Amino acid sequence: MALMITDECINCDVCEPECPNEAISAGEEYYVIDPAKCTECVGHFEEPQCQKVCPVDCIPLDPGHRETKEELQLKYEKLTGKKAA
């Protein structure tokens, strides 16, 4: 699954620079995650970095974008041109 940012976001700006896929950007009211770019950090890190740094815990899995680890790895490979470790 891709991740999503809920309306509990306080716009603290810590998640955006942590995303290795540049999937996080400022939305109209709070930050948003582009599900086409979000790999839950598969291929980059062991855990999603945005969730790790979020002070209000407002970045859950997005039930509208269900993906397996294998699908996330393939997305990583398409985005980066590299094989996931």
Protein backbone atom coordinates (compact mmCIF):
# COMPACT_ATOMS: atom_id res chain seq x y z
CA MET A 1 0.00 0.00 0.00
CA ALA A 2 0.98 3.55 -0.41
CA LEU A 3 0.80 5.79 2.62
CA MET A 4 -1.45 8.80 3.12
CA ILE A 5 -1.41 11.87 5.32
CA THR A 6 -4.55 12.58 7.32
CA ASP A 7 -6.08 15.92 8.22
CA GLU A 8 -4.36 15.63 11.61
CA CYS A 9 -1.19 16.88 9.85
CA ILE A 10 0.22 19.99 11.54
CA ASN A 11 2.37 21.03 8.55
CA CYS A 12 5.56 20.70 10.55
CA ASP A 13 7.61 20.13 7.37
CA VAL A 14 9.61 17.15 8.67
CA CYS A 15 8.21 14.43 6.39
CA GLU A 16 8.78 16.00 2.97
CA PRO A 17 12.61 16.02 2.99
CA GLU A 18 12.71 12.47 4.41
CA CYS A 19 10.91 10.90 1.42
CA PRO A 20 13.49 9.29 -0.90
CA ASN A 21 10.98 9.16 -3.77
CA GLU A 22 9.85 12.80 -3.49
CA ALA A 23 6.28 11.52 -3.07
CA ILE A 24 5.36 14.08 -0.39
CA SER A 25 4.40 17.63 -1.23
CA ALA A 26 2.47 20.52 0.27
CA GLY A 27 -1.23 20.26 -0.39
CA GLU A 28 -3.88 22.95 -0.08
CA GLU A 29 -4.38 22.41 3.66
CA TYR A 30 -1.71 19.88 4.65
CA TYR A 31 0.94 17.64 3.12
CA VAL A 32 -0.09 14.93 0.65
CA ILE A 33 1.51 11.76 -0.66
CA ASP A 34 1.47 10.82 -4.36
CA PRO A 35 0.57 7.10 -4.35
CA ALA A 36 2.26 6.65 -7.73
CA LYS A 37 5.60 7.55 -6.11
CA CYS A 38 5.17 6.08 -2.61
CA THR A 39 6.91 2.74 -2.07
CA GLU A 40 6.68 2.87 1.75
CA CYS A 41 10.48 3.28 1.45
CA VAL A 42 10.83 -0.27 0.06
CA GLY A 43 14.21 -0.40 -1.64
CA HIS A 44 15.53 2.53 0.39
CA PHE A 45 14.91 1.79 4.08
CA GLU A 46 13.50 -0.88 6.39
CA GLU A 47 10.58 1.34 7.44
CA PRO A 48 8.78 4.38 6.03
CA GLN A 49 10.85 7.40 6.97
CA CYS A 50 7.90 9.80 6.99
CA GLN A 51 6.13 7.70 9.62
CA LYS A 52 9.34 7.53 11.64
CA VAL A 53 9.71 11.32 11.88
CA CYS A 54 6.04 12.37 12.09
CA PRO A 55 5.41 13.91 15.53
CA VAL A 56 1.61 13.45 15.39
CA ASP A 57 1.39 9.95 13.87
CA CYS A 58 -0.84 11.05 10.97
CA ILE A 59 0.61 8.85 8.19
CA PRO A 60 -1.28 5.54 7.98
CA LEU A 61 -1.51 3.04 5.14
CA ASP A 62 -3.83 4.23 2.38
CA PRO A 63 -6.63 1.66 2.03
CA GLY A 64 -7.37 3.04 -1.44
CA HIS A 65 -3.94 1.96 -2.73
CA ARG A 66 -3.28 -1.62 -1.66
CA GLU A 67 0.07 -3.03 -2.79
CA THR A 68 2.15 -6.03 -1.79
CA LYS A 69 5.84 -5.77 -0.89
CA GLU A 70 6.60 -7.24 -4.32
CA GLU A 71 4.51 -4.56 -6.06
CA LEU A 72 6.21 -1.86 -3.99
CA GLN A 73 9.61 -3.27 -4.96
CA LEU A 74 8.65 -3.20 -8.65
CA LYS A 75 7.48 0.39 -8.28
CA TYR A 76 10.81 1.26 -6.62
CA GLU A 77 12.69 -0.33 -9.52
CA LYS A 78 10.63 1.60 -12.09
CA LEU A 79 11.11 4.89 -10.25
CA THR A 80 14.85 4.51 -9.69
CA GLY A 81 16.03 2.15 -12.40
CA LYS A 82 17.70 0.07 -9.66
CA LYS A 83 17.02 -3.36 -8.21
CA ALA A 84 15.86 -3.29 -4.59
CA ALA A 85 18.32 -4.76 -2.14
